[in-house]
Every structure is written in structure tokens, then in C-alpha cells.
Amino acid sequence: MSVDEVACETSLSLLQARLARLRECGERFWVRDRCARLIDASNASHVRCVAADHYDYVGAPVENSLGVALLRTLYHRAYGAVVTIGLADALADDNVLQLVDRRVIVGEEDPARGGVAGWARAIVEVVEEVRSSRPCSST
């Protein structure tokens, strides 16, 4: 889909539509007459294809847990004990969430259709919860 098509279909501004199109290693798409053969053929071709509510998703079978494990190790080396928090949606790879201390799965909202507010709320809520559960340090 072009930037204009994304903006028109999702009611996003042109800037938001352009940013949505810049996602790495994957793309959301819409097929008028969905058929399971398309998803099966994509998966058989070693392309990750997931059926979702409004848009389907296709992308490279990227192992995100490698990057998460590296970041966790680097932060631990630099700062000692850290609390890691993983936010994911329904399309997330389960391997990523197994590597973090706190797991948050944001609802089925589609970020391309305005679900960013749900992500922001989830981030604020978990940070406030973690802060309130940690003892204050006097420095």
C-alpha cells in the first residue's frame, strides 16, 4: 500500500501513515476475500504470516529475542541489577517475553488504527507500578 492508501484506509495523517510504512521486516496487508491458502503458502515459503482482525501481517521470520537478550546483558553489565519490562501485542514472539522480568500484552488494538494510546497507557501503568514497588534510595 502507498502512504496515501494507508492514510486513507486508516484515517492516519500522512506523517503517521509514512511512519507506519517504515516498519522493519514486516508489513500489514488487507485482502478483500481472505483465504487460508495465502497464509499457508506464505508460512511454507518461510515468511511469517499471521491473520489478524482488520489487517493480516506478513514479514521475515525475525528472532527478536536475540536483540532483547543482548540489550538485557548490556544493561546488566553497565548498571547491575535492572528490571526488564517487555510490551507486546498479539503478533509478538513468545520468546521475547520469556526474557523479561515483567510482561505486558497490550490489547488487540492495531497501532496503525490509533492503538498507540493503548501502548502509551500500558507503559505508564507498568512504570508507575514498578516505581511504587521499589524502595526509595537516598542519594
Protein backbone atom coordinates (compact mmCIF):
# COMPACT_ATOMS: atom_id res chain seq x y z
CA MET A 1 0.00 0.00 0.00
CA SER A 2 1.19 3.52 -0.71
CA VAL A 3 1.43 6.17 2.02
CA ASP A 4 -1.72 7.82 0.62
CA GLU A 5 -3.59 4.50 0.65
CA VAL A 6 -2.53 3.79 4.25
CA ALA A 7 -3.64 7.28 5.33
CA CYS A 8 -6.99 6.96 3.57
CA GLU A 9 -7.73 3.43 4.81
CA THR A 10 -6.69 4.03 8.43
CA SER A 11 -7.60 7.72 8.88
CA LEU A 12 -3.99 8.49 9.83
CA SER A 13 -2.23 11.71 8.94
CA LEU A 14 0.25 11.46 6.08
CA LEU A 15 3.13 11.63 8.57
CA GLN A 16 1.68 8.83 10.70
CA ALA A 17 0.99 6.76 7.58
CA ARG A 18 4.57 7.29 6.39
CA LEU A 19 5.89 6.17 9.78
CA ALA A 20 3.61 3.13 9.72
CA ARG A 21 5.08 2.17 6.35
CA LEU A 22 8.64 2.31 7.72
CA ARG A 23 8.23 -0.75 9.92
CA GLU A 24 11.19 -3.04 9.54
CA CYS A 25 10.90 -6.62 8.35
CA GLY A 26 7.16 -6.75 8.02
CA GLU A 27 4.02 -5.29 6.58
CA ARG A 28 0.35 -5.31 7.39
CA PHE A 29 -1.93 -6.01 4.46
CA TRP A 30 -5.57 -6.37 3.68
CA VAL A 31 -7.19 -8.88 1.33
CA ARG A 32 -10.86 -8.49 0.47
CA ASP A 33 -11.51 -12.22 0.24
CA ARG A 34 -9.20 -13.80 2.81
CA CYS A 35 -8.23 -17.36 2.13
CA ALA A 36 -6.24 -19.71 4.33
CA ARG A 37 -4.18 -20.80 1.31
CA LEU A 38 -2.44 -17.41 1.19
CA ILE A 39 -1.35 -17.68 4.82
CA ASP A 40 -0.35 -21.34 4.43
CA ALA A 41 1.66 -20.56 1.28
CA SER A 42 3.40 -17.63 2.98
CA ASN A 43 4.34 -19.72 6.00
CA ALA A 44 5.54 -22.54 3.74
CA SER A 45 7.78 -20.00 1.96
CA HIS A 46 9.49 -19.20 5.27
CA VAL A 47 7.67 -15.88 5.55
CA ARG A 48 5.83 -15.28 8.80
CA CYS A 49 2.18 -14.63 8.06
CA VAL A 50 -0.39 -14.01 10.80
CA ALA A 51 -4.12 -13.44 10.35
CA ALA A 52 -5.45 -10.59 12.50
CA ASP A 53 -8.78 -8.81 12.88
CA HIS A 54 -8.57 -5.97 10.39
CA TYR A 55 -5.20 -6.41 8.70
CA ASP A 56 -3.09 -9.50 8.26
CA TYR A 57 0.66 -9.35 8.81
CA VAL A 58 3.49 -10.73 6.74
CA GLY A 59 7.19 -10.40 7.41
CA ALA A 60 10.52 -12.04 7.79
CA PRO A 61 10.73 -14.70 10.49
CA VAL A 62 12.99 -12.49 12.62
CA GLU A 63 14.14 -13.78 16.01
CA ASN A 64 13.61 -10.66 18.16
CA SER A 65 14.78 -12.42 21.31
CA LEU A 66 18.42 -12.12 20.20
CA GLY A 67 18.30 -8.32 20.41
CA VAL A 68 16.39 -8.36 23.69
CA ALA A 69 18.92 -10.75 25.25
CA LEU A 70 21.80 -8.56 24.11
CA LEU A 71 20.24 -5.37 25.50
CA ARG A 72 19.45 -7.06 28.79
CA THR A 73 23.07 -8.23 29.11
CA LEU A 74 24.49 -4.81 28.24
CA TYR A 75 22.26 -3.00 30.75
CA HIS A 76 23.13 -5.55 33.43
CA ARG A 77 26.85 -5.06 32.81
CA ALA A 78 26.51 -1.27 32.90
CA TYR A 79 24.08 -0.86 35.82
CA GLY A 80 24.00 -4.11 37.77
CA ALA A 81 20.51 -5.22 38.74
CA VAL A 82 17.85 -3.95 36.34
CA VAL A 83 14.15 -4.64 35.92
CA THR A 84 13.25 -5.50 32.35
CA ILE A 85 9.77 -4.92 31.01
CA GLY A 86 8.50 -6.35 27.75
CA LEU A 87 5.48 -4.95 25.94
CA ALA A 88 3.94 -6.97 23.17
CA ASP A 89 0.82 -7.30 21.09
CA ALA A 90 -0.98 -10.36 19.78
CA LEU A 91 1.60 -10.79 16.99
CA ALA A 92 4.55 -10.86 19.38
CA ASP A 93 7.05 -13.66 19.54
CA ASP A 94 6.67 -15.53 22.86
CA ASN A 95 10.45 -15.98 23.09
CA VAL A 96 10.89 -12.24 23.74
CA LEU A 97 8.52 -12.16 26.70
CA GLN A 98 10.31 -15.10 28.33
CA LEU A 99 13.46 -12.96 28.63
CA VAL A 100 11.97 -10.08 30.63
CA ASP A 101 11.02 -9.69 34.29
CA ARG A 102 7.64 -8.06 33.65
CA ARG A 103 5.38 -8.95 30.73
CA VAL A 104 2.65 -6.68 29.39
CA ILE A 105 0.48 -7.73 26.49
CA VAL A 106 -1.38 -4.78 25.06
CA GLY A 107 -4.86 -5.47 23.72
CA GLU A 108 -5.67 -6.35 20.17
CA GLU A 109 -5.63 -2.67 19.18
CA ASP A 110 -3.99 -2.09 15.84
CA PRO A 111 -1.34 0.65 16.19
CA ALA A 112 -1.94 1.57 12.56
CA ARG A 113 -5.54 2.40 13.50
CA GLY A 114 -4.88 4.54 16.57
CA GLY A 115 -3.88 1.95 19.16
CA VAL A 116 -0.82 3.95 20.16
CA ALA A 117 -2.75 5.40 23.11
CA GLY A 118 -3.20 1.87 24.46
CA TRP A 119 0.54 1.25 24.25
CA ALA A 120 1.27 4.56 26.00
CA ARG A 121 -1.18 3.75 28.81
CA ALA A 122 0.39 0.32 29.30
CA ILE A 123 3.88 1.81 29.52
CA VAL A 124 2.84 4.45 32.07
CA GLU A 125 0.94 1.91 34.18
CA VAL A 126 3.77 -0.60 34.39
CA VAL A 127 6.42 2.05 35.10
CA GLU A 128 4.29 3.52 37.91
CA GLU A 129 3.71 0.03 39.33
CA VAL A 130 7.42 -0.83 39.25
CA ARG A 131 8.38 2.52 40.79
CA SER A 132 5.87 2.13 43.63
CA SER A 133 7.10 -1.38 44.45
CA ARG A 134 10.79 -0.42 44.65
CA PRO A 135 12.23 1.08 47.84
CA CYS A 136 13.37 4.68 47.55
CA SER A 137 17.11 5.19 47.53
CA SER A 138 18.64 8.11 49.36
CA THR A 139 21.43 9.59 47.27
